[in-house]
PDB file of N, CA and C in Angstrom:
ATOM      1  N   MET A   1      -7.021  74.640 -37.501  1.00  0.00           N
ATOM      2  CA  MET A   1      -8.098  75.309 -38.223  1.00  0.00           C
ATOM      3  C   MET A   1      -8.680  76.415 -37.353  1.00  0.00           C
ATOM      4  N   ASP A   2      -9.045  77.518 -37.990  1.00  0.00           N
ATOM      5  CA  ASP A   2      -9.639  78.641 -37.276  1.00  0.00           C
ATOM      6  C   ASP A   2     -10.994  78.258 -36.708  1.00  0.00           C
ATOM      7  N   LYS A   3     -11.322  78.870 -35.575  1.00  0.00           N
ATOM      8  CA  LYS A   3     -12.685  78.730 -35.057  1.00  0.00           C
ATOM      9  C   LYS A   3     -13.609  79.515 -35.980  1.00  0.00           C
ATOM     10  N   ILE A   4     -14.821  79.003 -36.122  1.00  0.00           N
ATOM     11  CA  ILE A   4     -15.782  79.584 -37.066  1.00  0.00           C
ATOM     12  C   ILE A   4     -16.892  80.311 -36.314  1.00  0.00           C
ATOM     13  N   GLY A   5     -17.320  81.420 -36.866  1.00  0.00           N
ATOM     14  CA  GLY A   5     -18.434  82.183 -36.317  1.00  0.00           C
ATOM     15  C   GLY A   5     -19.400  82.552 -37.427  1.00  0.00           C
ATOM     16  N   ASP A   6     -20.525  83.098 -37.039  1.00  0.00           N
ATOM     17  CA  ASP A   6     -21.581  83.470 -37.991  1.00  0.00           C
ATOM     18  C   ASP A   6     -21.812  84.970 -37.979  1.00  0.00           C
ATOM     19  N   ILE A   7     -22.122  85.480 -39.151  1.00  0.00           N
ATOM     20  CA  ILE A   7     -22.631  86.839 -39.304  1.00  0.00           C
ATOM     21  C   ILE A   7     -23.973  86.690 -39.997  1.00  0.00           C
ATOM     22  N   GLU A   8     -25.013  87.276 -39.419  1.00  0.00           N
ATOM     23  CA  GLU A   8     -26.338  87.203 -40.024  1.00  0.00           C
ATOM     24  C   GLU A   8     -26.800  88.596 -40.410  1.00  0.00           C
ATOM     25  N   ILE A   9     -27.231  88.712 -41.646  1.00  0.00           N
ATOM     26  CA  ILE A   9     -27.846  89.950 -42.120  1.00  0.00           C
ATOM     27  C   ILE A   9     -29.262  89.593 -42.532  1.00  0.00           C
ATOM     28  N   ARG A  10     -30.221  90.145 -41.813  1.00  0.00           N
ATOM     29  CA  ARG A  10     -31.629  89.837 -42.053  1.00  0.00           C
ATOM     30  C   ARG A  10     -32.269  90.982 -42.826  1.00  0.00           C
ATOM     31  N   VAL A  11     -33.016  90.635 -43.850  1.00  0.00           N
ATOM     32  CA  VAL A  11     -33.713  91.623 -44.672  1.00  0.00           C
ATOM     33  C   VAL A  11     -35.212  91.423 -44.473  1.00  0.00           C
ATOM     34  N   ILE A  12     -35.883  92.492 -44.094  1.00  0.00           N
ATOM     35  CA  ILE A  12     -37.328  92.463 -43.874  1.00  0.00           C
ATOM     36  C   ILE A  12     -37.966  93.430 -44.860  1.00  0.00           C
ATOM     37  N   GLY A  13     -39.007  92.966 -45.519  1.00  0.00           N
ATOM     38  CA  GLY A  13     -39.692  93.832 -46.469  1.00  0.00           C
ATOM     39  C   GLY A  13     -40.748  93.071 -47.232  1.00  0.00           C
ATOM     40  N   LYS A  14     -41.122  93.617 -48.358  1.00  0.00           N
ATOM     41  CA  LYS A  14     -42.160  93.033 -49.205  1.00  0.00           C
ATOM     42  C   LYS A  14     -41.615  92.848 -50.614  1.00  0.00           C
ATOM     43  N   SER A  15     -42.144  91.852 -51.285  1.00  0.00           N
ATOM     44  CA  SER A  15     -41.937  91.662 -52.719  1.00  0.00           C
ATOM     45  C   SER A  15     -43.327  91.734 -53.329  1.00  0.00           C
ATOM     46  N   GLY A  16     -43.634  92.874 -53.912  1.00  0.00           N
ATOM     47  CA  GLY A  16     -45.015  93.117 -54.328  1.00  0.00           C
ATOM     48  C   GLY A  16     -45.858  93.262 -53.078  1.00  0.00           C
ATOM     49  N   ASN A  17     -46.911  92.438 -52.968  1.00  0.00           N
ATOM     50  CA  ASN A  17     -47.747  92.499 -51.763  1.00  0.00           C
ATOM     51  C   ASN A  17     -47.485  91.327 -50.829  1.00  0.00           C
ATOM     52  N   MET A  18     -46.428  90.546 -51.113  1.00  0.00           N
ATOM     53  CA  MET A  18     -46.089  89.384 -50.282  1.00  0.00           C
ATOM     54  C   MET A  18     -44.889  89.698 -49.390  1.00  0.00           C
ATOM     55  N   ASP A  19     -44.893  89.136 -48.171  1.00  0.00           N
ATOM     56  CA  ASP A  19     -43.730  89.275 -47.305  1.00  0.00           C
ATOM     57  C   ASP A  19     -42.513  88.671 -47.989  1.00  0.00           C
ATOM     58  N   LEU A  20     -41.366  89.284 -47.767  1.00  0.00           N
ATOM     59  CA  LEU A  20     -40.122  88.839 -48.376  1.00  0.00           C
ATOM     60  C   LEU A  20     -39.698  87.479 -47.824  1.00  0.00           C
ATOM     61  N   THR A  21     -39.327  86.565 -48.714  1.00  0.00           N
ATOM     62  CA  THR A  21     -38.801  85.247 -48.360  1.00  0.00           C
ATOM     63  C   THR A  21     -37.689  84.911 -49.354  1.00  0.00           C
ATOM     64  N   PRO A  22     -36.890  83.893 -49.079  1.00  0.00           N
ATOM     65  CA  PRO A  22     -35.885  83.484 -50.072  1.00  0.00           C
ATOM     66  C   PRO A  22     -36.500  83.117 -51.427  1.00  0.00           C
ATOM     67  N   ASP A  23     -37.750  82.677 -51.431  1.00  0.00           N
ATOM     68  CA  ASP A  23     -38.403  82.293 -52.680  1.00  0.00           C
ATOM     69  C   ASP A  23     -38.798  83.462 -53.570  1.00  0.00           C
ATOM     70  N   ASN A  24     -38.894  84.674 -53.003  1.00  0.00           N
ATOM     71  CA  ASN A  24     -39.250  85.819 -53.839  1.00  0.00           C
ATOM     72  C   ASN A  24     -38.203  86.940 -53.741  1.00  0.00           C
ATOM     73  N   TYR A  25     -37.003  86.574 -53.355  1.00  0.00           N
ATOM     74  CA  TYR A  25     -35.869  87.501 -53.229  1.00  0.00           C
ATOM     75  C   TYR A  25     -34.998  87.330 -54.469  1.00  0.00           C
ATOM     76  N   ASP A  26     -34.885  88.364 -55.280  1.00  0.00           N
ATOM     77  CA  ASP A  26     -34.229  88.267 -56.581  1.00  0.00           C
ATOM     78  C   ASP A  26     -32.734  87.973 -56.473  1.00  0.00           C
ATOM     79  N   ILE A  27     -32.235  87.212 -57.427  1.00  0.00           N
ATOM     80  CA  ILE A  27     -30.834  86.811 -57.458  1.00  0.00           C
ATOM     81  C   ILE A  27     -29.894  88.021 -57.547  1.00  0.00           C
ATOM     82  N   SER A  28     -30.332  89.102 -58.187  1.00  0.00           N
ATOM     83  CA  SER A  28     -29.484  90.298 -58.274  1.00  0.00           C
ATOM     84  C   SER A  28     -29.258  90.901 -56.887  1.00  0.00           C
ATOM     85  N   GLN A  29     -30.257  90.802 -56.022  1.00  0.00           N
ATOM     86  CA  GLN A  29     -30.111  91.309 -54.660  1.00  0.00           C
ATOM     87  C   GLN A  29     -29.189  90.405 -53.845  1.00  0.00           C
ATOM     88  N   ILE A  30     -29.238  89.099 -54.103  1.00  0.00           N
ATOM     89  CA  ILE A  30     -28.316  88.165 -53.436  1.00  0.00           C
ATOM     90  C   ILE A  30     -26.892  88.478 -53.865  1.00  0.00           C
ATOM     91  N   ALA A  31     -26.680  88.670 -55.166  1.00  0.00           N
ATOM     92  CA  ALA A  31     -25.336  88.996 -55.666  1.00  0.00           C
ATOM     93  C   ALA A  31     -24.824  90.294 -55.054  1.00  0.00           C
ATOM     94  N   SER A  32     -25.701  91.264 -54.933  1.00  0.00           N
ATOM     95  CA  SER A  32     -25.314  92.550 -54.355  1.00  0.00           C
ATOM     96  C   SER A  32     -24.894  92.401 -52.896  1.00  0.00           C
ATOM     97  N   ILE A  33     -25.670  91.666 -52.119  1.00  0.00           N
ATOM     98  CA  ILE A  33     -25.328  91.506 -50.704  1.00  0.00           C
ATOM     99  C   ILE A  33     -24.021  90.731 -50.551  1.00  0.00           C
ATOM    100  N   LEU A  34     -23.797  89.728 -51.406  1.00  0.00           N
ATOM    101  CA  LEU A  34     -22.547  88.965 -51.345  1.00  0.00           C
ATOM    102  C   LEU A  34     -21.340  89.864 -51.603  1.00  0.00           C
ATOM    103  N   LYS A  35     -21.414  90.673 -52.647  1.00  0.00           N
ATOM    104  CA  LYS A  35     -20.316  91.580 -52.979  1.00  0.00           C
ATOM    105  C   LYS A  35     -20.099  92.603 -51.879  1.00  0.00           C
ATOM    106  N   ASN A  36     -21.180  93.176 -51.385  1.00  0.00           N
ATOM    107  CA  ASN A  36     -21.046  94.209 -50.358  1.00  0.00           C
ATOM    108  C   ASN A  36     -20.520  93.647 -49.050  1.00  0.00           C
ATOM    109  N   VAL A  37     -20.941  92.460 -48.668  1.00  0.00           N
ATOM    110  CA  VAL A  37     -20.432  91.871 -47.430  1.00  0.00           C
ATOM    111  C   VAL A  37     -18.951  91.550 -47.572  1.00  0.00           C
ATOM    112  N   GLU A  38     -18.538  91.055 -48.733  1.00  0.00           N
ATOM    113  CA  GLU A  38     -17.106  90.788 -48.920  1.00  0.00           C
ATOM    114  C   GLU A  38     -16.303  92.084 -48.767  1.00  0.00           C
ATOM    115  N   ASP A  39     -16.795  93.189 -49.325  1.00  0.00           N
ATOM    116  CA  ASP A  39     -16.097  94.471 -49.186  1.00  0.00           C
ATOM    117  C   ASP A  39     -16.126  94.983 -47.743  1.00  0.00           C
ATOM    118  N   LEU A  40     -17.199  94.688 -47.000  1.00  0.00           N
ATOM    119  CA  LEU A  40     -17.241  95.079 -45.590  1.00  0.00           C
ATOM    120  C   LEU A  40     -16.244  94.271 -44.762  1.00  0.00           C
ATOM    121  N   LEU A  41     -16.163  92.981 -45.033  1.00  0.00           N
ATOM    122  CA  LEU A  41     -15.280  92.117 -44.252  1.00  0.00           C
ATOM    123  C   LEU A  41     -13.813  92.295 -44.621  1.00  0.00           C
ATOM    124  N   PHE A  42     -13.543  92.500 -45.905  1.00  0.00           N
ATOM    125  CA  PHE A  42     -12.156  92.548 -46.383  1.00  0.00           C
ATOM    126  C   PHE A  42     -11.975  93.728 -47.340  1.00  0.00           C
ATOM    127  N   PRO A  43     -11.952  94.946 -46.812  1.00  0.00           N
ATOM    128  CA  PRO A  43     -11.904  96.122 -47.674  1.00  0.00           C
ATOM    129  C   PRO A  43     -10.575  96.334 -48.390  1.00  0.00           C
ATOM    130  N   THR A  44      -9.505  95.788 -47.858  1.00  0.00           N
ATOM    131  CA  THR A  44      -8.204  96.085 -48.458  1.00  0.00           C
ATOM    132  C   THR A  44      -7.665  94.938 -49.306  1.00  0.00           C
ATOM    133  N   SER A  45      -7.569  93.755 -48.748  1.00  0.00           N
ATOM    134  CA  SER A  45      -6.981  92.645 -49.492  1.00  0.00           C
ATOM    135  C   SER A  45      -7.836  91.396 -49.353  1.00  0.00           C
ATOM    136  N   LYS A  46      -8.196  90.840 -50.485  1.00  0.00           N
ATOM    137  CA  LYS A  46      -8.978  89.611 -50.475  1.00  0.00           C
ATOM    138  C   LYS A  46      -8.095  88.394 -50.744  1.00  0.00           C
ATOM    139  N   LYS A  47      -6.823  88.641 -51.014  1.00  0.00           N
ATOM    140  CA  LYS A  47      -5.906  87.579 -51.419  1.00  0.00           C
ATOM    141  C   LYS A  47      -5.757  86.487 -50.365  1.00  0.00           C
ATOM    142  N   ASP A  48      -5.495  86.849 -49.152  1.00  0.00           N
ATOM    143  CA  ASP A  48      -5.235  85.872 -48.086  1.00  0.00           C
ATOM    144  C   ASP A  48      -6.371  85.792 -47.072  1.00  0.00           C
ATOM    145  N   ARG A  49      -7.563  86.125 -47.493  1.00  0.00           N
ATOM    146  CA  ARG A  49      -8.684  86.140 -46.561  1.00  0.00           C
ATOM    147  C   ARG A  49      -9.095  84.715 -46.206  1.00  0.00           C
ATOM    148  N   PRO A  50      -9.728  84.543 -45.027  1.00  0.00           N
ATOM    149  CA  PRO A  50     -10.234  83.213 -44.671  1.00  0.00           C
ATOM    150  C   PRO A  50     -11.439  82.844 -45.525  1.00  0.00           C
ATOM    151  N   LEU A  51     -11.758  81.583 -45.533  1.00  0.00           N
ATOM    152  CA  LEU A  51     -12.928  81.071 -46.249  1.00  0.00           C
ATOM    153  C   LEU A  51     -14.195  81.693 -45.668  1.00  0.00           C
ATOM    154  N   VAL A  52     -15.104  82.092 -46.547  1.00  0.00           N
ATOM    155  CA  VAL A  52     -16.415  82.592 -46.139  1.00  0.00           C
ATOM    156  C   VAL A  52     -17.441  81.756 -46.883  1.00  0.00           C
ATOM    157  N   THR A  53     -18.333  81.109 -46.132  1.00  0.00           N
ATOM    158  CA  THR A  53     -19.408  80.339 -46.758  1.00  0.00           C
ATOM    159  C   THR A  53     -20.717  81.071 -46.539  1.00  0.00           C
ATOM    160  N   TYR A  54     -21.738  80.655 -47.296  1.00  0.00           N
ATOM    161  CA  TYR A  54     -22.981  81.416 -47.328  1.00  0.00           C
ATOM    162  C   TYR A  54     -24.176  80.471 -47.356  1.00  0.00           C
ATOM    163  N   ASN A  55     -25.239  80.899 -46.671  1.00  0.00           N
ATOM    164  CA  ASN A  55     -26.512  80.200 -46.710  1.00  0.00           C
ATOM    165  C   ASN A  55     -27.612  81.250 -46.627  1.00  0.00           C
ATOM    166  N   ILE A  56     -28.697  81.026 -47.342  1.00  0.00           N
ATOM    167  CA  ILE A  56     -29.856  81.915 -47.253  1.00  0.00           C
ATOM    168  C   ILE A  56     -30.978  81.113 -46.601  1.00  0.00           C
ATOM    169  N   GLU A  57     -31.643  81.728 -45.619  1.00  0.00           N
ATOM    170  CA  GLU A  57     -32.663  81.013 -44.845  1.00  0.00           C
ATOM    171  C   GLU A  57     -33.929  81.840 -44.712  1.00  0.00           C
ATOM    172  N   GLU A  58     -34.995  81.162 -44.319  1.00  0.00           N
ATOM    173  CA  GLU A  58     -36.285  81.804 -44.035  1.00  0.00           C
ATOM    174  C   GLU A  58     -36.159  82.693 -42.804  1.00  0.00           C
ATOM    175  N   GLY A  59     -37.175  83.516 -42.609  1.00  0.00           N
ATOM    176  CA  GLY A  59     -37.218  84.458 -41.495  1.00  0.00           C
ATOM    177  C   GLY A  59     -37.108  85.840 -42.095  1.00  0.00           C
ATOM    178  N   SER A  60     -38.052  86.149 -42.995  1.00  0.00           N
ATOM    179  CA  SER A  60     -37.911  87.143 -44.053  1.00  0.00           C
ATOM    180  C   SER A  60     -36.818  86.573 -44.934  1.00  0.00           C
ATOM    181  N   VAL A  61     -35.692  87.258 -45.053  1.00  0.00           N
ATOM    182  CA  VAL A  61     -34.530  86.690 -45.743  1.00  0.00           C
ATOM    183  C   VAL A  61     -33.350  86.830 -44.806  1.00  0.00           C
ATOM    184  N   ARG A  62     -32.785  85.703 -44.423  1.00  0.00           N
ATOM    185  CA  ARG A  62     -31.636  85.701 -43.524  1.00  0.00           C
ATOM    186  C   ARG A  62     -30.407  85.244 -44.302  1.00  0.00           C
ATOM    187  N   HIS A  63     -29.446  86.167 -44.451  1.00  0.00           N
ATOM    188  CA  HIS A  63     -28.168  85.850 -45.080  1.00  0.00           C
ATOM    189  C   HIS A  63     -27.230  85.416 -43.955  1.00  0.00           C
ATOM    190  N   ILE A  64     -26.741  84.189 -44.025  1.00  0.00           N
ATOM    191  CA  ILE A  64     -25.849  83.663 -42.990  1.00  0.00           C
ATOM    192  C   ILE A  64     -24.469  83.455 -43.611  1.00  0.00           C
ATOM    193  N   PHE A  65     -23.478  84.130 -43.053  1.00  0.00           N
ATOM    194  CA  PHE A  65     -22.097  84.003 -43.508  1.00  0.00           C
ATOM    195  C   PHE A  65     -21.297  83.332 -42.404  1.00  0.00           C
ATOM    196  N   LYS A  66     -20.552  82.305 -42.749  1.00  0.00           N
ATOM    197  CA  LYS A  66     -19.685  81.629 -41.788  1.00  0.00           C
ATOM    198  C   LYS A  66     -18.245  81.895 -42.193  1.00  0.00           C
ATOM    199  N   THR A  67     -17.452  82.332 -41.226  1.00  0.00           N
ATOM    200  CA  THR A  67     -16.048  82.618 -41.475  1.00  0.00           C
ATOM    201  C   THR A  67     -15.291  82.559 -40.154  1.00  0.00           C
ATOM    202  N   SER A  68     -14.030  82.922 -40.176  1.00  0.00           N
ATOM    203  CA  SER A  68     -13.216  82.845 -38.956  1.00  0.00           C
ATOM    204  C   SER A  68     -13.795  83.745 -37.872  1.00  0.00           C
ATOM    205  N   ILE A  69     -13.691  83.294 -36.639  1.00  0.00           N
ATOM    206  CA  ILE A  69     -14.226  84.060 -35.505  1.00  0.00           C
ATOM    207  C   ILE A  69     -13.531  85.415 -35.403  1.00  0.00           C
ATOM    208  N   GLN A  70     -12.271  85.489 -35.792  1.00  0.00           N
ATOM    209  CA  GLN A  70     -11.545  86.757 -35.757  1.00  0.00           C
ATOM    210  C   GLN A  70     -12.203  87.766 -36.715  1.00  0.00           C
ATOM    211  N   THR A  71     -12.601  87.314 -37.892  1.00  0.00           N
ATOM    212  CA  THR A  71     -13.279  88.186 -38.849  1.00  0.00           C
ATOM    213  C   THR A  71     -14.639  88.618 -38.315  1.00  0.00           C
ATOM    214  N   VAL A  72     -15.363  87.687 -37.687  1.00  0.00           N
ATOM    215  CA  VAL A  72     -16.673  87.996 -37.106  1.00  0.00           C
ATOM    216  C   VAL A  72     -16.530  89.057 -36.020  1.00  0.00           C
ATOM    217  N   ILE A  73     -15.546  88.905 -35.164  1.00  0.00           N
ATOM    218  CA  ILE A  73     -15.322  89.868 -34.073  1.00  0.00           C
ATOM    219  C   ILE A  73     -14.981  91.248 -34.649  1.00  0.00           C
ATOM    220  N   GLY A  74     -14.119  91.278 -35.665  1.00  0.00           N
ATOM    221  CA  GLY A  74     -13.766  92.551 -36.299  1.00  0.00           C
ATOM    222  C   GLY A  74     -14.968  93.218 -36.937  1.00  0.00           C
ATOM    223  N   PHE A  75     -15.793  92.430 -37.625  1.00  0.00           N
ATOM    224  CA  PHE A  75     -17.002  92.956 -38.261  1.00  0.00           C
ATOM    225  C   PHE A  75     -17.966  93.503 -37.210  1.00  0.00           C
ATOM    226  N   SER A  76     -18.131  92.767 -36.125  1.00  0.00           N
ATOM    227  CA  SER A  76     -19.025  93.212 -35.041  1.00  0.00           C
ATOM    228  C   SER A  76     -18.546  94.535 -34.449  1.00  0.00           C
ATOM    229  N   ALA A  77     -17.233  94.686 -34.307  1.00  0.00           N
ATOM    230  CA  ALA A  77     -16.683  95.932 -33.778  1.00  0.00           C
ATOM    231  C   ALA A  77     -16.947  97.097 -34.731  1.00  0.00           C
ATOM    232  N   VAL A  78     -16.805  96.861 -36.019  1.00  0.00           N
ATOM    233  CA  VAL A  78     -17.073  97.911 -37.011  1.00  0.00           C
ATOM    234  C   VAL A  78     -18.538  98.312 -36.970  1.00  0.00           C
ATOM    235  N   ILE A  79     -19.430  97.332 -36.930  1.00  0.00           N
ATOM    236  CA  ILE A  79     -20.877  97.628 -36.870  1.00  0.00           C
ATOM    237  C   ILE A  79     -21.197  98.423 -35.607  1.00  0.00           C
ATOM    238  N   ALA A  80     -20.629  98.036 -34.478  1.00  0.00           N
ATOM    239  CA  ALA A  80     -20.868  98.752 -33.226  1.00  0.00           C
ATOM    240  C   ALA A  80     -20.377 100.191 -33.316  1.00  0.00           C
ATOM    241  N   GLN A  81     -19.228 100.402 -33.943  1.00  0.00           N
ATOM    242  CA  GLN A  81     -18.692 101.755 -34.075  1.00  0.00           C
ATOM    243  C   GLN A  81     -19.551 102.603 -35.016  1.00  0.00           C
ATOM    244  N   VAL A  82     -20.025 102.012 -36.106  1.00  0.00           N
ATOM    245  CA  VAL A  82     -20.906 102.734 -37.023  1.00  0.00           C
ATOM    246  C   VAL A  82     -22.181 103.154 -36.290  1.00  0.00           C
ATOM    247  N   GLN A  83     -22.750 102.237 -35.502  1.00  0.00           N
ATOM    248  CA  GLN A  83     -23.963 102.557 -34.747  1.00  0.00           C
ATOM    249  C   GLN A  83     -23.688 103.632 -33.698  1.00  0.00           C
ATOM    250  N   SER A  84     -22.580 103.510 -32.992  1.00  0.00           N
ATOM    251  CA  SER A  84     -22.243 104.458 -31.940  1.00  0.00           C
ATOM    252  C   SER A  84     -21.990 105.861 -32.504  1.00  0.00           C
ATOM    253  N   ALA A  85     -21.212 105.937 -33.563  1.00  0.00           N
ATOM    254  CA  ALA A  85     -20.864 107.228 -34.160  1.00  0.00           C
ATOM    255  C   ALA A  85     -21.956 107.735 -35.089  1.00  0.00           C
ATOM    256  N   ASN A  86     -22.876 106.835 -35.481  1.00  0.00           N
ATOM    257  CA  ASN A  86     -23.911 107.161 -36.459  1.00  0.00           C
ATOM    258  C   ASN A  86     -23.278 107.766 -37.715  1.00  0.00           C
ATOM    259  N   SER A  87     -22.149 107.137 -38.113  1.00  0.00           N
ATOM    260  CA  SER A  87     -21.386 107.651 -39.243  1.00  0.00           C
ATOM    261  C   SER A  87     -20.544 106.529 -39.843  1.00  0.00           C
ATOM    262  N   ILE A  88     -20.226 106.678 -41.130  1.00  0.00           N
ATOM    263  CA  ILE A  88     -19.310 105.740 -41.784  1.00  0.00           C
ATOM    264  C   ILE A  88     -18.041 106.470 -42.236  1.00  0.00           C
ATOM    265  N   GLU A  89     -17.866 107.700 -41.785  1.00  0.00           N
ATOM    266  CA  GLU A  89     -16.732 108.537 -42.189  1.00  0.00           C
ATOM    267  C   GLU A  89     -15.376 107.892 -41.899  1.00  0.00           C
ATOM    268  N   PHE A  90     -15.272 107.112 -40.862  1.00  0.00           N
ATOM    269  CA  PHE A  90     -13.997 106.541 -40.443  1.00  0.00           C
ATOM    270  C   PHE A  90     -13.627 105.270 -41.210  1.00  0.00           C
ATOM    271  N   LEU A  91     -14.538 104.749 -42.014  1.00  0.00           N
ATOM    272  CA  LEU A  91     -14.323 103.476 -42.694  1.00  0.00           C
ATOM    273  C   LEU A  91     -13.429 103.612 -43.919  1.00  0.00           C
ATOM    274  N   ASP A  92     -12.782 102.506 -44.267  1.00  0.00           N
ATOM    275  CA  ASP A  92     -12.076 102.379 -45.525  1.00  0.00           C
ATOM    276  C   ASP A  92     -13.076 102.644 -46.651  1.00  0.00           C
ATOM    277  N   LEU A  93     -12.627 103.159 -47.781  1.00  0.00           N
ATOM    278  CA  LEU A  93     -13.519 103.547 -48.873  1.00  0.00           C
ATOM    279  C   LEU A  93     -14.419 102.402 -49.330  1.00  0.00           C
ATOM    280  N   LYS A  94     -13.869 101.194 -49.503  1.00  0.00           N
ATOM    281  CA  LYS A  94     -14.691 100.066 -49.956  1.00  0.00           C
ATOM    282  C   LYS A  94     -15.770  99.711 -48.943  1.00  0.00           C
ATOM    283  N   SER A  95     -15.435  99.746 -47.664  1.00  0.00           N
ATOM    284  CA  SER A  95     -16.426  99.457 -46.625  1.00  0.00           C
ATOM    285  C   SER A  95     -17.509 100.522 -46.609  1.00  0.00           C
ATOM    286  N   ALA A  96     -17.115 101.775 -46.725  1.00  0.00           N
ATOM    287  CA  ALA A  96     -18.095 102.865 -46.729  1.00  0.00           C
ATOM    288  C   ALA A  96     -19.035 102.734 -47.931  1.00  0.00           C
ATOM    289  N   ARG A  97     -18.479 102.410 -49.084  1.00  0.00           N
ATOM    290  CA  ARG A  97     -19.319 102.219 -50.279  1.00  0.00           C
ATOM    291  C   ARG A  97     -20.275 101.042 -50.100  1.00  0.00           C
ATOM    292  N   ALA A  98     -19.798  99.975 -49.476  1.00  0.00           N
ATOM    293  CA  ALA A  98     -20.658  98.813 -49.242  1.00  0.00           C
ATOM    294  C   ALA A  98     -21.842  99.202 -48.361  1.00  0.00           C
ATOM    295  N   PHE A  99     -21.589  99.962 -47.286  1.00  0.00           N
ATOM    296  CA  PHE A  99     -22.682 100.446 -46.438  1.00  0.00           C
ATOM    297  C   PHE A  99     -23.643 101.309 -47.247  1.00  0.00           C
ATOM    298  N   GLU A 100     -23.108 102.206 -48.073  1.00  0.00           N
ATOM    299  CA  GLU A 100     -23.956 103.072 -48.889  1.00  0.00           C
ATOM    300  C   GLU A 100     -24.794 102.267 -49.878  1.00  0.00           C
ATOM    301  N   ASN A 101     -24.198 101.228 -50.477  1.00  0.00           N
ATOM    302  CA  ASN A 101     -24.943 100.379 -51.415  1.00  0.00           C
ATOM    303  C   ASN A 101     -26.099  99.668 -50.721  1.00  0.00           C
ATOM    304  N   ILE A 102     -25.850  99.157 -49.535  1.00  0.00           N
ATOM    305  CA  ILE A 102     -26.901  98.469 -48.772  1.00  0.00           C
ATOM    306  C   ILE A 102     -27.993  99.460 -48.375  1.00  0.00           C
ATOM    307  N   GLN A 103     -27.597 100.652 -47.939  1.00  0.00           N
ATOM    308  CA  GLN A 103     -28.578 101.687 -47.589  1.00  0.00           C
ATOM    309  C   GLN A 103     -29.403 102.091 -48.805  1.00  0.00           C
ATOM    310  N   SER A 104     -28.763 102.202 -49.950  1.00  0.00           N
ATOM    311  CA  SER A 104     -29.458 102.579 -51.169  1.00  0.00           C
ATOM    312  C   SER A 104     -30.505 101.534 -51.548  1.00  0.00           C
ATOM    313  N   LEU A 105     -30.142 100.266 -51.475  1.00  0.00           N
ATOM    314  CA  LEU A 105     -31.091  99.196 -51.773  1.00  0.00           C
ATOM    315  C   LEU A 105     -32.247  99.211 -50.774  1.00  0.00           C
ATOM    316  N   ALA A 106     -31.940  99.464 -49.507  1.00  0.00           N
ATOM    317  CA  ALA A 106     -32.985  99.531 -48.482  1.00  0.00           C
ATOM    318  C   ALA A 106     -33.991 100.632 -48.809  1.00  0.00           C
ATOM    319  N   ARG A 107     -33.502 101.788 -49.245  1.00  0.00           N
ATOM    320  CA  ARG A 107     -34.404 102.892 -49.611  1.00  0.00           C
ATOM    321  C   ARG A 107     -35.213 102.555 -50.862  1.00  0.00           C
ATOM    322  N   GLN A 108     -34.544 102.005 -51.889  1.00  0.00           N
ATOM    323  CA  GLN A 108     -35.221 101.694 -53.148  1.00  0.00           C
ATOM    324  C   GLN A 108     -36.329 100.665 -52.968  1.00  0.00           C
ATOM    325  N   LYS A 109     -36.062  99.622 -52.186  1.00  0.00           N
ATOM    326  CA  LYS A 109     -36.988  98.502 -52.045  1.00  0.00           C
ATOM    327  C   LYS A 109     -37.832  98.579 -50.771  1.00  0.00           C
ATOM    328  N   ASP A 110     -37.592  99.604 -49.952  1.00  0.00           N
ATOM    329  CA  ASP A 110     -38.258  99.738 -48.663  1.00  0.00           C
ATOM    330  C   ASP A 110     -37.987  98.522 -47.780  1.00  0.00           C
ATOM    331  N   TYR A 111     -36.713  98.127 -47.742  1.00  0.00           N
ATOM    332  CA  TYR A 111     -36.273  97.003 -46.909  1.00  0.00           C
ATOM    333  C   TYR A 111     -35.710  97.532 -45.598  1.00  0.00           C
ATOM    334  N   GLU A 112     -35.745  96.687 -44.613  1.00  0.00           N
ATOM    335  CA  GLU A 112     -35.121  96.959 -43.324  1.00  0.00           C
ATOM    336  C   GLU A 112     -34.052  95.910 -43.111  1.00  0.00           C
ATOM    337  N   TYR A 113     -32.840  96.342 -42.769  1.00  0.00           N
ATOM    338  CA  TYR A 113     -31.729  95.407 -42.507  1.00  0.00           C
ATOM    339  C   TYR A 113     -31.440  95.369 -41.024  1.00  0.00           C
TER     340      TYR A 113
END
């Protein structure tokens, strides 16, 4: 069995005048993050991908994804390159769109990821 690692995406913001928590985080936003993370992790083929499990936790909203350590390492490298280059130009189209979708939601809802 593959070794397992975690990817955490934390969302900080407000829902109305209340701090964001899993209790006031809309299901449509959960669905969006799930779809976008899958496209970030597996932009080309989802057929033979490793198992990815999900948990949502307190701490604003913490999305926790568990999957193979190899996938976690690859994702971490992509995030580091995006931060270093301050660009998504080099990404596969699905990954670039996923980043754009997350950025768009952040602007619309005034969230910080």
